[in-house]
């Protein structure tokens, strides 16, 4: 594959949004009586840049970015977990938490992960991102490169729908089915609506990158196997 000047920058934004989204997801907020994790303010950006990667550079480059994002996210989780195991020094929290144990509990409350939440997050990410890239790449060939708005919104509806369904179902499996469906639907609509609203920004980034890179890739003979590297 040829090298690209701006691919590393797009990849960096994509990976950063994933890692930061996982860290801030622990906080919940309410808007219009809908409870959502703070990650929804940033996580859709990962899908936007996932669309940019597929639209400009093709599915193979997007697949590469998805796996790099997965690896970086896993590294961050391992580092945070090890940090939580280290004994707290009184100097660390002398002016905030007099008790080092209390400080450690606060650290775990914000940065700690349960195995079930990690499983939900990783499975939802892989399934959602790969479906998003696959749908967009297929539609680009079908539409002969026209109607970018149709491709980005359609791929997001599929990817975000699967992502929300997997994550909510696994992470909150003990809740009643009606509550789970409400949570899945609200997150799916919020994230999809978010990306639809910023479609003009997606157009701007895509068009600028196509001109700068001299690339507008069509996946006519691409192997869509997600575990290829």
Protein backbone atom coordinates (compact mmCIF):
# COMPACT_ATOMS: atom_id res chain seq x y z
CA UNK A 1 0.00 0.00 0.00
CA UNK A 2 1.21 3.49 -0.80
CA UNK A 3 2.05 5.94 1.97
CA UNK A 4 -0.09 8.99 2.73
CA UNK A 5 0.89 12.29 4.29
CA UNK A 6 -2.22 12.84 6.40
CA UNK A 7 -3.15 9.26 7.28
CA UNK A 8 -1.14 9.29 10.57
CA UNK A 9 -2.95 12.47 11.70
CA UNK A 10 -6.40 11.02 10.96
CA UNK A 11 -5.39 7.78 12.71
CA UNK A 12 -4.19 9.74 15.76
CA UNK A 13 -7.53 11.55 16.12
CA UNK A 14 -9.41 8.26 15.66
CA UNK A 15 -7.40 6.45 18.37
CA UNK A 16 -7.47 9.40 20.79
CA UNK A 17 -11.26 9.65 20.64
CA UNK A 18 -11.56 5.95 21.44
CA UNK A 19 -9.27 6.06 24.47
CA UNK A 20 -10.69 9.28 25.92
CA UNK A 21 -14.27 8.06 25.35
CA UNK A 22 -13.59 4.95 27.43
CA UNK A 23 -12.14 7.04 30.26
CA UNK A 24 -15.00 9.56 30.48
CA UNK A 25 -17.75 6.97 29.91
CA UNK A 26 -18.00 6.39 33.66
CA UNK A 27 -19.86 9.70 34.15
CA UNK A 28 -23.58 9.73 33.38
CA UNK A 29 -25.61 12.82 32.51
CA UNK A 30 -29.23 13.51 31.67
CA UNK A 31 -30.58 15.43 28.68
CA UNK A 32 -34.31 15.60 27.88
CA UNK A 33 -34.89 12.99 30.61
CA UNK A 34 -32.53 10.56 28.84
CA UNK A 35 -29.56 9.21 30.79
CA UNK A 36 -26.41 8.92 28.70
CA UNK A 37 -22.70 8.29 29.38
CA UNK A 38 -20.39 11.27 28.92
CA UNK A 39 -18.64 9.32 26.16
CA UNK A 40 -21.45 10.16 23.72
CA UNK A 41 -20.06 13.68 23.36
CA UNK A 42 -16.87 12.27 21.82
CA UNK A 43 -17.34 8.65 20.74
CA UNK A 44 -19.36 9.54 17.61
CA UNK A 45 -16.26 11.43 16.44
CA UNK A 46 -14.53 8.06 16.18
CA UNK A 47 -17.24 6.96 13.72
CA UNK A 48 -16.87 10.20 11.78
CA UNK A 49 -13.14 9.62 11.36
CA UNK A 50 -13.83 5.95 10.67
CA UNK A 51 -15.99 7.14 7.76
CA UNK A 52 -13.20 9.47 6.64
CA UNK A 53 -10.66 6.63 6.70
CA UNK A 54 -12.86 4.32 4.63
CA UNK A 55 -14.06 6.98 2.21
CA UNK A 56 -10.62 8.40 1.42
CA UNK A 57 -8.18 5.53 1.99
CA UNK A 58 -10.37 2.44 1.57
CA UNK A 59 -11.48 -0.45 3.77
CA UNK A 60 -8.01 -1.96 4.20
CA UNK A 61 -6.64 1.23 5.76
CA UNK A 62 -9.75 1.58 7.92
CA UNK A 63 -9.33 -2.04 9.06
CA UNK A 64 -5.73 -1.28 9.98
CA UNK A 65 -6.85 1.76 11.99
CA UNK A 66 -9.55 -0.24 13.79
CA UNK A 67 -7.05 -2.84 14.99
CA UNK A 68 -4.51 -0.18 15.97
CA UNK A 69 -7.26 1.55 17.96
CA UNK A 70 -8.13 -1.73 19.64
CA UNK A 71 -4.49 -2.35 20.59
CA UNK A 72 -3.96 1.18 21.94
CA UNK A 73 -7.18 0.99 23.94
CA UNK A 74 -6.13 -2.35 25.41
CA UNK A 75 -2.74 -0.90 26.35
CA UNK A 76 -4.44 2.03 28.10
CA UNK A 77 -6.72 -0.32 30.04
CA UNK A 78 -3.77 -2.48 31.16
CA UNK A 79 -1.78 0.60 32.26
CA UNK A 80 -4.75 1.98 34.23
CA UNK A 81 -5.33 -1.42 35.85
CA UNK A 82 -1.68 -1.73 36.93
CA UNK A 83 -1.76 1.84 38.24
CA UNK A 84 -4.73 0.91 40.41
CA UNK A 85 -2.83 -2.02 41.92
CA UNK A 86 0.12 0.09 43.05
CA UNK A 87 0.08 1.02 46.79
CA UNK A 88 -0.92 4.63 47.46
CA UNK A 89 1.66 6.97 48.97
CA UNK A 90 0.37 9.50 51.56
CA UNK A 91 2.22 12.28 49.75
CA UNK A 92 0.06 11.63 46.66
CA UNK A 93 -3.12 12.82 48.33
CA UNK A 94 -1.96 14.90 51.30
CA UNK A 95 -4.06 17.91 50.29
CA UNK A 96 -7.08 16.05 48.90
CA UNK A 97 -7.65 12.70 50.59
CA UNK A 98 -6.01 12.30 54.03
CA UNK A 99 -6.57 8.56 53.74
CA UNK A 100 -4.58 6.90 50.90
CA UNK A 101 -7.12 4.07 50.79
CA UNK A 102 -9.89 6.56 50.13
CA UNK A 103 -7.81 8.01 47.29
CA UNK A 104 -7.36 4.54 45.82
CA UNK A 105 -11.10 3.95 45.92
CA UNK A 106 -11.66 7.26 44.12
CA UNK A 107 -9.12 6.22 41.49
CA UNK A 108 -10.93 2.92 40.96
CA UNK A 109 -14.34 4.61 40.85
CA UNK A 110 -13.27 6.83 37.94
CA UNK A 111 -10.66 4.77 36.10
CA UNK A 112 -11.40 1.22 37.22
CA UNK A 113 -12.99 -1.27 34.82
CA UNK A 114 -15.02 -4.38 35.51
CA UNK A 115 -14.35 -7.38 33.26
CA UNK A 116 -17.92 -7.33 31.98
CA UNK A 117 -17.74 -3.66 30.97
CA UNK A 118 -14.43 -4.26 29.20
CA UNK A 119 -15.85 -7.23 27.31
CA UNK A 120 -18.92 -5.19 26.33
CA UNK A 121 -16.82 -2.23 25.23
CA UNK A 122 -14.32 -4.20 23.14
CA UNK A 123 -16.90 -6.43 21.42
CA UNK A 124 -19.18 -3.47 20.67
CA UNK A 125 -16.28 -1.43 19.28
CA UNK A 126 -15.02 -4.16 16.93
CA UNK A 127 -18.45 -5.15 15.64
CA UNK A 128 -19.68 -1.57 15.23
CA UNK A 129 -16.56 -0.18 13.57
CA UNK A 130 -16.13 -3.04 11.11
CA UNK A 131 -19.78 -2.95 10.09
CA UNK A 132 -19.56 0.83 9.70
CA UNK A 133 -16.54 0.51 7.39
CA UNK A 134 -18.03 -2.41 5.44
CA UNK A 135 -21.36 -0.70 4.75
CA UNK A 136 -19.71 2.56 3.70
CA UNK A 137 -17.21 0.82 1.39
CA UNK A 138 -19.91 -1.30 -0.27
CA UNK A 139 -22.24 1.66 -0.73
CA UNK A 140 -19.46 3.75 -2.26
CA UNK A 141 -19.05 1.22 -5.06
CA UNK A 142 -22.82 0.82 -5.46
CA UNK A 143 -23.44 4.58 -5.66
CA UNK A 144 -20.31 5.14 -7.83
CA UNK A 145 -18.95 7.58 -5.26
CA UNK A 146 -22.05 9.77 -5.12
CA UNK A 147 -24.26 10.68 -2.16
CA UNK A 148 -21.60 10.74 0.56
CA UNK A 149 -24.28 11.82 3.05
CA UNK A 150 -26.23 8.63 2.32
CA UNK A 151 -23.19 6.46 2.86
CA UNK A 152 -22.08 8.07 6.11
CA UNK A 153 -25.54 8.13 7.67
CA UNK A 154 -26.43 4.59 6.55
CA UNK A 155 -23.15 3.13 7.80
CA UNK A 156 -23.53 4.96 11.10
CA UNK A 157 -27.08 3.68 11.61
CA UNK A 158 -25.85 0.12 11.16
CA UNK A 159 -22.58 0.45 13.09
CA UNK A 160 -23.94 2.50 15.97
CA UNK A 161 -27.01 0.30 16.21
CA UNK A 162 -24.94 -2.86 16.63
CA UNK A 163 -22.46 -1.09 18.92
CA UNK A 164 -25.20 0.17 21.24
CA UNK A 165 -27.05 -3.15 21.27
CA UNK A 166 -23.96 -5.20 22.15
CA UNK A 167 -22.60 -2.82 24.77
CA UNK A 168 -25.88 -2.16 26.61
CA UNK A 169 -26.96 -5.81 26.54
CA UNK A 170 -23.69 -7.15 27.96
CA UNK A 171 -22.90 -4.29 30.36
CA UNK A 172 -26.40 -4.05 31.88
CA UNK A 173 -27.69 -7.59 31.36
CA UNK A 174 -29.40 -7.67 34.77
CA UNK A 175 -31.85 -4.90 33.85
CA UNK A 176 -35.36 -5.64 32.53
CA UNK A 177 -35.64 -6.09 28.77
CA UNK A 178 -37.84 -3.00 28.39
CA UNK A 179 -35.21 -0.83 30.11
CA UNK A 180 -32.44 -2.30 27.98
CA UNK A 181 -34.37 -1.58 24.79
CA UNK A 182 -34.96 2.00 25.90
CA UNK A 183 -31.27 2.51 26.64
CA UNK A 184 -30.21 0.96 23.32
CA UNK A 185 -32.68 3.05 21.34
CA UNK A 186 -31.79 6.34 23.07
CA UNK A 187 -28.03 5.84 22.60
CA UNK A 188 -28.45 4.71 19.00
CA UNK A 189 -30.59 7.70 18.06
CA UNK A 190 -28.41 10.20 19.93
CA UNK A 191 -25.14 8.97 18.36
CA UNK A 192 -26.63 8.65 14.87
CA UNK A 193 -28.27 12.06 15.10
CA UNK A 194 -24.97 13.53 16.28
CA UNK A 195 -23.16 12.30 13.17
CA UNK A 196 -25.99 13.35 10.85
CA UNK A 197 -25.78 16.90 12.22
CA UNK A 198 -22.04 17.13 11.57
CA UNK A 199 -22.28 15.75 8.03
CA UNK A 200 -21.13 19.12 6.58
CA UNK A 201 -17.93 18.82 8.64
CA UNK A 202 -17.42 15.27 7.35
CA UNK A 203 -17.80 16.56 3.78
CA UNK A 204 -15.21 19.27 4.43
CA UNK A 205 -12.63 16.87 5.89
CA UNK A 206 -13.19 14.21 3.21
CA UNK A 207 -12.92 16.64 0.31
CA UNK A 208 -9.82 18.32 1.76
CA UNK A 209 -8.09 14.97 2.30
CA UNK A 210 -8.96 13.68 -1.17
CA UNK A 211 -7.36 16.75 -2.70
CA UNK A 212 -4.32 16.68 -0.41
CA UNK A 213 -3.67 12.94 -0.79
CA UNK A 214 -4.70 12.58 -4.43
CA UNK A 215 -6.76 9.57 -3.37
CA UNK A 216 -10.40 8.52 -3.60
CA UNK A 217 -10.31 4.76 -3.03
CA UNK A 218 -12.99 2.38 -4.30
CA UNK A 219 -13.11 -1.10 -2.73
CA UNK A 220 -14.01 -3.02 -5.89
CA UNK A 221 -11.72 -6.01 -5.27
CA UNK A 222 -11.14 -5.72 -1.54
CA UNK A 223 -10.98 -8.67 0.86
CA UNK A 224 -13.38 -7.60 3.60
CA UNK A 225 -12.16 -10.20 6.10
CA UNK A 226 -11.93 -8.16 9.35
CA UNK A 227 -9.04 -10.18 10.83
CA UNK A 228 -6.66 -9.42 7.99
CA UNK A 229 -3.78 -7.17 9.03
